Amino acid sequence: GSLRLSCVASGSFFRINTMGWFRQV
């Protein structure tokens, strides 16, 4: 099957550079 993850940044900031996903078991 499939899933779609989303991640939104909130708050006060100037610039978002690299974004990524990690996982842990």
mmCIF file of all heavy atoms, coordinates in Angstrom:
data_MODEL
# 
_entry.id   MODEL 
# 
loop_
_atom_site.group_PDB 
_atom_site.id 
_atom_site.type_symbol 
_atom_site.label_atom_id 
_atom_site.label_alt_id 
_atom_site.label_comp_id 
_atom_site.label_asym_id 
_atom_site.label_entity_id 
_atom_site.label_seq_id 
_atom_site.pdbx_PDB_ins_code 
_atom_site.Cartn_x 
_atom_site.Cartn_y 
_atom_site.Cartn_z 
_atom_site.occupancy 
_atom_site.B_iso_or_equiv 
_atom_site.pdbx_formal_charge 
_atom_site.auth_seq_id 
_atom_site.auth_comp_id 
_atom_site.auth_asym_id 
_atom_site.auth_atom_id 
_atom_site.pdbx_PDB_model_num 
ATOM 1   N N   . GLY A 1 1  ? 0.808  -1.217 0.000  1.00 0.00 ? 1  GLY A N   1 
ATOM 2   C CA  . GLY A 1 1  ? 0.000  0.000  0.000  1.00 0.00 ? 1  GLY A CA  1 
ATOM 3   C C   . GLY A 1 1  ? 0.841  1.267  0.000  1.00 0.00 ? 1  GLY A C   1 
ATOM 4   O O   . GLY A 1 1  ? 2.073  1.225  -0.111 1.00 0.00 ? 1  GLY A O   1 
ATOM 5   N N   . SER A 1 2  ? 0.139  2.395  0.144  1.00 0.00 ? 2  SER A N   1 
ATOM 6   C CA  . SER A 1 2  ? 0.788  3.702  0.080  1.00 0.00 ? 2  SER A CA  1 
ATOM 7   C C   . SER A 1 2  ? 0.351  4.587  1.238  1.00 0.00 ? 2  SER A C   1 
ATOM 8   O O   . SER A 1 2  ? -0.760 4.431  1.769  1.00 0.00 ? 2  SER A O   1 
ATOM 9   C CB  . SER A 1 2  ? 0.427  4.412  -1.235 1.00 0.00 ? 2  SER A CB  1 
ATOM 10  O OG  . SER A 1 2  ? 0.891  3.692  -2.353 1.00 0.00 ? 2  SER A OG  1 
ATOM 11  N N   . LEU A 1 3  ? 1.227  5.485  1.603  1.00 0.00 ? 3  LEU A N   1 
ATOM 12  C CA  . LEU A 1 3  ? 0.923  6.533  2.561  1.00 0.00 ? 3  LEU A CA  1 
ATOM 13  C C   . LEU A 1 3  ? 1.647  7.801  2.124  1.00 0.00 ? 3  LEU A C   1 
ATOM 14  O O   . LEU A 1 3  ? 2.704  7.722  1.474  1.00 0.00 ? 3  LEU A O   1 
ATOM 15  C CB  . LEU A 1 3  ? 1.382  6.174  3.971  1.00 0.00 ? 3  LEU A CB  1 
ATOM 16  C CG  . LEU A 1 3  ? 0.553  5.207  4.809  1.00 0.00 ? 3  LEU A CG  1 
ATOM 17  C CD1 . LEU A 1 3  ? 1.262  4.898  6.119  1.00 0.00 ? 3  LEU A CD1 1 
ATOM 18  C CD2 . LEU A 1 3  ? -0.831 5.771  5.077  1.00 0.00 ? 3  LEU A CD2 1 
ATOM 19  N N   . ARG A 1 4  ? 1.099  8.932  2.525  1.00 0.00 ? 4  ARG A N   1 
ATOM 20  C CA  . ARG A 1 4  ? 1.758  10.204 2.257  1.00 0.00 ? 4  ARG A CA  1 
ATOM 21  C C   . ARG A 1 4  ? 1.933  10.954 3.560  1.00 0.00 ? 4  ARG A C   1 
ATOM 22  O O   . ARG A 1 4  ? 0.940  11.270 4.232  1.00 0.00 ? 4  ARG A O   1 
ATOM 23  C CB  . ARG A 1 4  ? 0.951  11.051 1.275  1.00 0.00 ? 4  ARG A CB  1 
ATOM 24  C CG  . ARG A 1 4  ? 1.685  12.293 0.787  1.00 0.00 ? 4  ARG A CG  1 
ATOM 25  C CD  . ARG A 1 4  ? 0.757  13.204 0.041  1.00 0.00 ? 4  ARG A CD  1 
ATOM 26  N NE  . ARG A 1 4  ? 1.448  14.229 -0.733 1.00 0.00 ? 4  ARG A NE  1 
ATOM 27  C CZ  . ARG A 1 4  ? 0.951  15.429 -0.991 1.00 0.00 ? 4  ARG A CZ  1 
ATOM 28  N NH1 . ARG A 1 4  ? -0.247 15.761 -0.523 1.00 0.00 ? 4  ARG A NH1 1 
ATOM 29  N NH2 . ARG A 1 4  ? 1.646  16.302 -1.705 1.00 0.00 ? 4  ARG A NH2 1 
ATOM 30  N N   . LEU A 1 5  ? 3.168  11.231 3.898  1.00 0.00 ? 5  LEU A N   1 
ATOM 31  C CA  . LEU A 1 5  ? 3.473  12.006 5.092  1.00 0.00 ? 5  LEU A CA  1 
ATOM 32  C C   . LEU A 1 5  ? 3.646  13.477 4.725  1.00 0.00 ? 5  LEU A C   1 
ATOM 33  O O   . LEU A 1 5  ? 4.155  13.801 3.653  1.00 0.00 ? 5  LEU A O   1 
ATOM 34  C CB  . LEU A 1 5  ? 4.753  11.496 5.749  1.00 0.00 ? 5  LEU A CB  1 
ATOM 35  C CG  . LEU A 1 5  ? 4.811  10.017 6.117  1.00 0.00 ? 5  LEU A CG  1 
ATOM 36  C CD1 . LEU A 1 5  ? 6.134  9.714  6.831  1.00 0.00 ? 5  LEU A CD1 1 
ATOM 37  C CD2 . LEU A 1 5  ? 3.636  9.609  6.967  1.00 0.00 ? 5  LEU A CD2 1 
ATOM 38  N N   . SER A 1 6  ? 3.227  14.328 5.643  1.00 0.00 ? 6  SER A N   1 
ATOM 39  C CA  . SER A 1 6  ? 3.413  15.767 5.477  1.00 0.00 ? 6  SER A CA  1 
ATOM 40  C C   . SER A 1 6  ? 4.074  16.334 6.720  1.00 0.00 ? 6  SER A C   1 
ATOM 41  O O   . SER A 1 6  ? 3.890  15.806 7.827  1.00 0.00 ? 6  SER A O   1 
ATOM 42  C CB  . SER A 1 6  ? 2.059  16.471 5.265  1.00 0.00 ? 6  SER A CB  1 
ATOM 43  O OG  . SER A 1 6  ? 1.413  16.009 4.120  1.00 0.00 ? 6  SER A OG  1 
ATOM 44  N N   . CYS A 1 7  ? 4.816  17.393 6.531  1.00 0.00 ? 7  CYS A N   1 
ATOM 45  C CA  . CYS A 1 7  ? 5.466  18.069 7.658  1.00 0.00 ? 7  CYS A CA  1 
ATOM 46  C C   . CYS A 1 7  ? 5.474  19.555 7.357  1.00 0.00 ? 7  CYS A C   1 
ATOM 47  O O   . CYS A 1 7  ? 6.003  19.987 6.331  1.00 0.00 ? 7  CYS A O   1 
ATOM 48  C CB  . CYS A 1 7  ? 6.882  17.554 7.840  1.00 0.00 ? 7  CYS A CB  1 
ATOM 49  S SG  . CYS A 1 7  ? 7.878  18.488 9.017  1.00 0.00 ? 7  CYS A SG  1 
ATOM 50  N N   . VAL A 1 8  ? 4.892  20.323 8.264  1.00 0.00 ? 8  VAL A N   1 
ATOM 51  C CA  . VAL A 1 8  ? 4.833  21.768 8.069  1.00 0.00 ? 8  VAL A CA  1 
ATOM 52  C C   . VAL A 1 8  ? 5.615  22.466 9.167  1.00 0.00 ? 8  VAL A C   1 
ATOM 53  O O   . VAL A 1 8  ? 5.552  22.086 10.342 1.00 0.00 ? 8  VAL A O   1 
ATOM 54  C CB  . VAL A 1 8  ? 3.368  22.253 8.036  1.00 0.00 ? 8  VAL A CB  1 
ATOM 55  C CG1 . VAL A 1 8  ? 2.652  21.914 9.314  1.00 0.00 ? 8  VAL A CG1 1 
ATOM 56  C CG2 . VAL A 1 8  ? 3.297  23.742 7.758  1.00 0.00 ? 8  VAL A CG2 1 
ATOM 57  N N   . ALA A 1 9  ? 6.360  23.470 8.767  1.00 0.00 ? 9  ALA A N   1 
ATOM 58  C CA  . ALA A 1 9  ? 7.117  24.285 9.714  1.00 0.00 ? 9  ALA A CA  1 
ATOM 59  C C   . ALA A 1 9  ? 6.303  25.507 10.089 1.00 0.00 ? 9  ALA A C   1 
ATOM 60  O O   . ALA A 1 9  ? 5.722  26.164 9.220  1.00 0.00 ? 9  ALA A O   1 
ATOM 61  C CB  . ALA A 1 9  ? 8.441  24.714 9.093  1.00 0.00 ? 9  ALA A CB  1 
ATOM 62  N N   . SER A 1 10 ? 6.271  25.799 11.382 1.00 0.00 ? 10 SER A N   1 
ATOM 63  C CA  . SER A 1 10 ? 5.537  26.968 11.850 1.00 0.00 ? 10 SER A CA  1 
ATOM 64  C C   . SER A 1 10 ? 6.400  27.767 12.808 1.00 0.00 ? 10 SER A C   1 
ATOM 65  O O   . SER A 1 10 ? 7.370  27.257 13.367 1.00 0.00 ? 10 SER A O   1 
ATOM 66  C CB  . SER A 1 10 ? 4.231  26.547 12.528 1.00 0.00 ? 10 SER A CB  1 
ATOM 67  O OG  . SER A 1 10 ? 4.506  25.776 13.685 1.00 0.00 ? 10 SER A OG  1 
ATOM 68  N N   . GLY A 1 11 ? 6.003  29.022 13.015 1.00 0.00 ? 11 GLY A N   1 
ATOM 69  C CA  . GLY A 1 11 ? 6.752  29.897 13.901 1.00 0.00 ? 11 GLY A CA  1 
ATOM 70  C C   . GLY A 1 11 ? 7.402  31.019 13.123 1.00 0.00 ? 11 GLY A C   1 
ATOM 71  O O   . GLY A 1 11 ? 7.065  31.266 11.969 1.00 0.00 ? 11 GLY A O   1 
ATOM 72  N N   . SER A 1 12 ? 8.340  31.668 13.749 1.00 0.00 ? 12 SER A N   1 
ATOM 73  C CA  . SER A 1 12 ? 9.019  32.801 13.143 1.00 0.00 ? 12 SER A CA  1 
ATOM 74  C C   . SER A 1 12 ? 10.419 32.389 12.698 1.00 0.00 ? 12 SER A C   1 
ATOM 75  O O   . SER A 1 12 ? 11.241 31.976 13.521 1.00 0.00 ? 12 SER A O   1 
ATOM 76  C CB  . SER A 1 12 ? 9.101  33.950 14.149 1.00 0.00 ? 12 SER A CB  1 
ATOM 77  O OG  . SER A 1 12 ? 9.775  35.055 13.588 1.00 0.00 ? 12 SER A OG  1 
ATOM 78  N N   . PHE A 1 13 ? 10.689 32.514 11.416 1.00 0.00 ? 13 PHE A N   1 
ATOM 79  C CA  . PHE A 1 13 ? 12.005 32.182 10.900 1.00 0.00 ? 13 PHE A CA  1 
ATOM 80  C C   . PHE A 1 13 ? 12.219 32.888 9.582  1.00 0.00 ? 13 PHE A C   1 
ATOM 81  O O   . PHE A 1 13 ? 11.271 33.391 8.968  1.00 0.00 ? 13 PHE A O   1 
ATOM 82  C CB  . PHE A 1 13 ? 12.173 30.659 10.723 1.00 0.00 ? 13 PHE A CB  1 
ATOM 83  C CG  . PHE A 1 13 ? 11.065 30.003 9.945  1.00 0.00 ? 13 PHE A CG  1 
ATOM 84  C CD1 . PHE A 1 13 ? 11.083 29.961 8.563  1.00 0.00 ? 13 PHE A CD1 1 
ATOM 85  C CD2 . PHE A 1 13 ? 9.992  29.424 10.616 1.00 0.00 ? 13 PHE A CD2 1 
ATOM 86  C CE1 . PHE A 1 13 ? 10.055 29.357 7.862  1.00 0.00 ? 13 PHE A CE1 1 
ATOM 87  C CE2 . PHE A 1 13 ? 8.963  28.815 9.929  1.00 0.00 ? 13 PHE A CE2 1 
ATOM 88  C CZ  . PHE A 1 13 ? 8.987  28.779 8.537  1.00 0.00 ? 13 PHE A CZ  1 
ATOM 89  N N   . PHE A 1 14 ? 13.481 32.887 9.137  1.00 0.00 ? 14 PHE A N   1 
ATOM 90  C CA  . PHE A 1 14 ? 13.825 33.580 7.903  1.00 0.00 ? 14 PHE A CA  1 
ATOM 91  C C   . PHE A 1 14 ? 13.855 32.635 6.713  1.00 0.00 ? 14 PHE A C   1 
ATOM 92  O O   . PHE A 1 14 ? 13.295 32.934 5.664  1.00 0.00 ? 14 PHE A O   1 
ATOM 93  C CB  . PHE A 1 14 ? 15.181 34.267 8.064  1.00 0.00 ? 14 PHE A CB  1 
ATOM 94  C CG  . PHE A 1 14 ? 15.682 34.912 6.804  1.00 0.00 ? 14 PHE A CG  1 
ATOM 95  C CD1 . PHE A 1 14 ? 15.032 36.010 6.269  1.00 0.00 ? 14 PHE A CD1 1 
ATOM 96  C CD2 . PHE A 1 14 ? 16.789 34.405 6.138  1.00 0.00 ? 14 PHE A CD2 1 
ATOM 97  C CE1 . PHE A 1 14 ? 15.477 36.607 5.090  1.00 0.00 ? 14 PHE A CE1 1 
ATOM 98  C CE2 . PHE A 1 14 ? 17.252 34.987 4.969  1.00 0.00 ? 14 PHE A CE2 1 
ATOM 99  C CZ  . PHE A 1 14 ? 16.593 36.085 4.450  1.00 0.00 ? 14 PHE A CZ  1 
ATOM 100 N N   . ARG A 1 15 ? 14.490 31.463 6.904  1.00 0.00 ? 15 ARG A N   1 
ATOM 101 C CA  . ARG A 1 15 ? 14.721 30.617 5.741  1.00 0.00 ? 15 ARG A CA  1 
ATOM 102 C C   . ARG A 1 15 ? 14.814 29.156 6.140  1.00 0.00 ? 15 ARG A C   1 
ATOM 103 O O   . ARG A 1 15 ? 15.471 28.814 7.114  1.00 0.00 ? 15 ARG A O   1 
ATOM 104 C CB  . ARG A 1 15 ? 16.018 31.031 5.060  1.00 0.00 ? 15 ARG A CB  1 
ATOM 105 C CG  . ARG A 1 15 ? 16.376 30.266 3.784  1.00 0.00 ? 15 ARG A CG  1 
ATOM 106 C CD  . ARG A 1 15 ? 17.734 30.711 3.277  1.00 0.00 ? 15 ARG A CD  1 
ATOM 107 N NE  . ARG A 1 15 ? 18.154 30.009 2.085  1.00 0.00 ? 15 ARG A NE  1 
ATOM 108 C CZ  . ARG A 1 15 ? 17.953 30.438 0.843  1.00 0.00 ? 15 ARG A CZ  1 
ATOM 109 N NH1 . ARG A 1 15 ? 17.350 31.589 0.638  1.00 0.00 ? 15 ARG A NH1 1 
ATOM 110 N NH2 . ARG A 1 15 ? 18.379 29.743 -0.187 1.00 0.00 ? 15 ARG A NH2 1 
ATOM 111 N N   . ILE A 1 16 ? 14.149 28.311 5.356  1.00 0.00 ? 16 ILE A N   1 
ATOM 112 C CA  . ILE A 1 16 ? 14.272 26.867 5.526  1.00 0.00 ? 16 ILE A CA  1 
ATOM 113 C C   . ILE A 1 16 ? 15.201 26.346 4.451  1.00 0.00 ? 16 ILE A C   1 
ATOM 114 O O   . ILE A 1 16 ? 14.956 26.576 3.263  1.00 0.00 ? 16 ILE A O   1 
ATOM 115 C CB  . ILE A 1 16 ? 12.913 26.157 5.422  1.00 0.00 ? 16 ILE A CB  1 
ATOM 116 C CG1 . ILE A 1 16 ? 11.923 26.722 6.444  1.00 0.00 ? 16 ILE A CG1 1 
ATOM 117 C CG2 . ILE A 1 16 ? 13.091 24.653 5.629  1.00 0.00 ? 16 ILE A CG2 1 
ATOM 118 C CD1 . ILE A 1 16 ? 10.524 26.146 6.325  1.00 0.00 ? 16 ILE A CD1 1 
ATOM 119 N N   . ASN A 1 17 ? 16.230 25.666 4.848  1.00 0.00 ? 17 ASN A N   1 
ATOM 120 C CA  . ASN A 1 17 ? 17.159 25.091 3.882  1.00 0.00 ? 17 ASN A CA  1 
ATOM 121 C C   . ASN A 1 17 ? 16.766 23.641 3.617  1.00 0.00 ? 17 ASN A C   1 
ATOM 122 O O   . ASN A 1 17 ? 15.644 23.374 3.223  1.00 0.00 ? 17 ASN A O   1 
ATOM 123 C CB  . ASN A 1 17 ? 18.575 25.278 4.365  1.00 0.00 ? 17 ASN A CB  1 
ATOM 124 C CG  . ASN A 1 17 ? 18.946 26.743 4.466  1.00 0.00 ? 17 ASN A CG  1 
ATOM 125 O OD1 . ASN A 1 17 ? 18.865 27.490 3.494  1.00 0.00 ? 17 ASN A OD1 1 
ATOM 126 N ND2 . ASN A 1 17 ? 19.295 27.195 5.663  1.00 0.00 ? 17 ASN A ND2 1 
ATOM 127 N N   . THR A 1 18 ? 17.648 22.706 3.863  1.00 0.00 ? 18 THR A N   1 
ATOM 128 C CA  . THR A 1 18 ? 17.343 21.316 3.574  1.00 0.00 ? 18 THR A CA  1 
ATOM 129 C C   . THR A 1 18 ? 16.259 20.787 4.513  1.00 0.00 ? 18 THR A C   1 
ATOM 130 O O   . THR A 1 18 ? 16.259 21.098 5.713  1.00 0.00 ? 18 THR A O   1 
ATOM 131 C CB  . THR A 1 18 ? 18.601 20.453 3.692  1.00 0.00 ? 18 THR A CB  1 
ATOM 132 O OG1 . THR A 1 18 ? 19.559 20.905 2.734  1.00 0.00 ? 18 THR A OG1 1 
ATOM 133 C CG2 . THR A 1 18 ? 18.302 18.984 3.444  1.00 0.00 ? 18 THR A CG2 1 
ATOM 134 N N   . MET A 1 19 ? 15.359 20.016 3.949  1.00 0.00 ? 19 MET A N   1 
ATOM 135 C CA  . MET A 1 19 ? 14.324 19.323 4.733  1.00 0.00 ? 19 MET A CA  1 
ATOM 136 C C   . MET A 1 19 ? 14.439 17.834 4.448  1.00 0.00 ? 19 MET A C   1 
ATOM 137 O O   . MET A 1 19 ? 14.855 17.427 3.364  1.00 0.00 ? 19 MET A O   1 
ATOM 138 C CB  . MET A 1 19 ? 12.928 19.812 4.371  1.00 0.00 ? 19 MET A CB  1 
ATOM 139 C CG  . MET A 1 19 ? 12.733 21.304 4.542  1.00 0.00 ? 19 MET A CG  1 
ATOM 140 S SD  . MET A 1 19 ? 11.036 21.847 4.224  1.00 0.00 ? 19 MET A SD  1 
ATOM 141 C CE  . MET A 1 19 ? 10.271 21.472 5.809  1.00 0.00 ? 19 MET A CE  1 
ATOM 142 N N   . GLY A 1 20 ? 14.055 17.035 5.417  1.00 0.00 ? 20 GLY A N   1 
ATOM 143 C CA  . GLY A 1 20 ? 14.193 15.595 5.192  1.00 0.00 ? 20 GLY A CA  1 
ATOM 144 C C   . GLY A 1 20 ? 13.335 14.773 6.113  1.00 0.00 ? 20 GLY A C   1 
ATOM 145 O O   . GLY A 1 20 ? 12.639 15.301 6.992  1.00 0.00 ? 20 GLY A O   1 
ATOM 146 N N   . TRP A 1 21 ? 13.380 13.486 5.870  1.00 0.00 ? 21 TRP A N   1 
ATOM 147 C CA  . TRP A 1 21 ? 12.666 12.501 6.682  1.00 0.00 ? 21 TRP A CA  1 
ATOM 148 C C   . TRP A 1 21 ? 13.661 11.451 7.165  1.00 0.00 ? 21 TRP A C   1 
ATOM 149 O O   . TRP A 1 21 ? 14.483 10.951 6.384  1.00 0.00 ? 21 TRP A O   1 
ATOM 150 C CB  . TRP A 1 21 ? 11.570 11.825 5.868  1.00 0.00 ? 21 TRP A CB  1 
ATOM 151 C CG  . TRP A 1 21 ? 10.444 12.730 5.519  1.00 0.00 ? 21 TRP A CG  1 
ATOM 152 C CD1 . TRP A 1 21 ? 10.281 13.466 4.382  1.00 0.00 ? 21 TRP A CD1 1 
ATOM 153 C CD2 . TRP A 1 21 ? 9.300  13.003 6.334  1.00 0.00 ? 21 TRP A CD2 1 
ATOM 154 N NE1 . TRP A 1 21 ? 9.118  14.182 4.436  1.00 0.00 ? 21 TRP A NE1 1 
ATOM 155 C CE2 . TRP A 1 21 ? 8.494  13.905 5.624  1.00 0.00 ? 21 TRP A CE2 1 
ATOM 156 C CE3 . TRP A 1 21 ? 8.868  12.564 7.584  1.00 0.00 ? 21 TRP A CE3 1 
ATOM 157 C CZ2 . TRP A 1 21 ? 7.277  14.399 6.123  1.00 0.00 ? 21 TRP A CZ2 1 
ATOM 158 C CZ3 . TRP A 1 21 ? 7.670  13.042 8.077  1.00 0.00 ? 21 TRP A CZ3 1 
ATOM 159 C CH2 . TRP A 1 21 ? 6.888  13.945 7.352  1.00 0.00 ? 21 TRP A CH2 1 
ATOM 160 N N   . PHE A 1 22 ? 13.559 11.139 8.435  1.00 0.00 ? 22 PHE A N   1 
ATOM 161 C CA  . PHE A 1 22 ? 14.331 10.068 9.055  1.00 0.00 ? 22 PHE A CA  1 
ATOM 162 C C   . PHE A 1 22 ? 13.337 9.063  9.633  1.00 0.00 ? 22 PHE A C   1 
ATOM 163 O O   . PHE A 1 22 ? 12.162 9.383  9.802  1.00 0.00 ? 22 PHE A O   1 
ATOM 164 C CB  . PHE A 1 22 ? 15.212 10.615 10.180 1.00 0.00 ? 22 PHE A CB  1 
ATOM 165 C CG  . PHE A 1 22 ? 16.399 11.416 9.712  1.00 0.00 ? 22 PHE A CG  1 
ATOM 166 C CD1 . PHE A 1 22 ? 16.230 12.662 9.135  1.00 0.00 ? 22 PHE A CD1 1 
ATOM 167 C CD2 . PHE A 1 22 ? 17.684 10.931 9.861  1.00 0.00 ? 22 PHE A CD2 1 
ATOM 168 C CE1 . PHE A 1 22 ? 17.321 13.409 8.704  1.00 0.00 ? 22 PHE A CE1 1 
ATOM 169 C CE2 . PHE A 1 22 ? 18.790 11.666 9.447  1.00 0.00 ? 22 PHE A CE2 1 
ATOM 170 C CZ  . PHE A 1 22 ? 18.597 12.904 8.874  1.00 0.00 ? 22 PHE A CZ  1 
ATOM 171 N N   . ARG A 1 23 ? 13.814 7.888  9.952  1.00 0.00 ? 23 ARG A N   1 
ATOM 172 C CA  . ARG A 1 23 ? 12.966 6.920  10.622 1.00 0.00 ? 23 ARG A CA  1 
ATOM 173 C C   . ARG A 1 23 ? 13.769 6.143  11.651 1.00 0.00 ? 23 ARG A C   1 
ATOM 174 O O   . ARG A 1 23 ? 14.990 6.021  11.541 1.00 0.00 ? 23 ARG A O   1 
ATOM 175 C CB  . ARG A 1 23 ? 12.306 5.960  9.627  1.00 0.00 ? 23 ARG A CB  1 
ATOM 176 C CG  . ARG A 1 23 ? 13.256 5.029  8.889  1.00 0.00 ? 23 ARG A CG  1 
ATOM 177 C CD  . ARG A 1 23 ? 12.493 4.246  7.826  1.00 0.00 ? 23 ARG A CD  1 
ATOM 178 N NE  . ARG A 1 23 ? 13.366 3.333  7.097  1.00 0.00 ? 23 ARG A NE  1 
ATOM 179 C CZ  . ARG A 1 23 ? 12.974 2.640  6.025  1.00 0.00 ? 23 ARG A CZ  1 
ATOM 180 N NH1 . ARG A 1 23 ? 11.732 2.774  5.553  1.00 0.00 ? 23 ARG A NH1 1 
ATOM 181 N NH2 . ARG A 1 23 ? 13.825 1.823  5.429  1.00 0.00 ? 23 ARG A NH2 1 
ATOM 182 N N   . GLN A 1 24 ? 13.037 5.623  12.615 1.00 0.00 ? 24 GLN A N   1 
ATOM 183 C CA  . GLN A 1 24 ? 13.693 4.892  13.702 1.00 0.00 ? 24 GLN A CA  1 
ATOM 184 C C   . GLN A 1 24 ? 12.796 3.787  14.210 1.00 0.00 ? 24 GLN A C   1 
ATOM 185 O O   . GLN A 1 24 ? 11.586 3.989  14.393 1.00 0.00 ? 24 GLN A O   1 
ATOM 186 C CB  . GLN A 1 24 ? 14.035 5.843  14.850 1.00 0.00 ? 24 GLN A CB  1 
ATOM 187 C CG  . GLN A 1 24 ? 14.900 5.226  15.931 1.00 0.00 ? 24 GLN A CG  1 
ATOM 188 C CD  . GLN A 1 24 ? 15.400 6.272  16.919 1.00 0.00 ? 24 GLN A CD  1 
ATOM 189 O OE1 . GLN A 1 24 ? 14.796 7.330  17.095 1.00 0.00 ? 24 GLN A OE1 1 
ATOM 190 N NE2 . GLN A 1 24 ? 16.523 5.982  17.567 1.00 0.00 ? 24 GLN A NE2 1 
ATOM 191 N N   . VAL A 1 25 ? 13.403 2.623  14.430 1.00 0.00 ? 25 VAL A N   1 
ATOM 192 C CA  . VAL A 1 25 ? 12.711 1.516  15.073 1.00 0.00 ? 25 VAL A CA  1 
ATOM 193 C C   . VAL A 1 25 ? 13.377 1.275  16.413 1.00 0.00 ? 25 VAL A C   1 
ATOM 194 O O   . VAL A 1 25 ? 14.559 1.594  16.591 1.00 0.00 ? 25 VAL A O   1 
ATOM 195 C CB  . VAL A 1 25 ? 12.735 0.233  14.206 1.00 0.00 ? 25 VAL A CB  1 
ATOM 196 C CG1 . VAL A 1 25 ? 12.005 0.474  12.901 1.00 0.00 ? 25 VAL A CG1 1 
ATOM 197 C CG2 . VAL A 1 25 ? 14.159 -0.230 13.951 1.00 0.00 ? 25 VAL A CG2 1 
# 
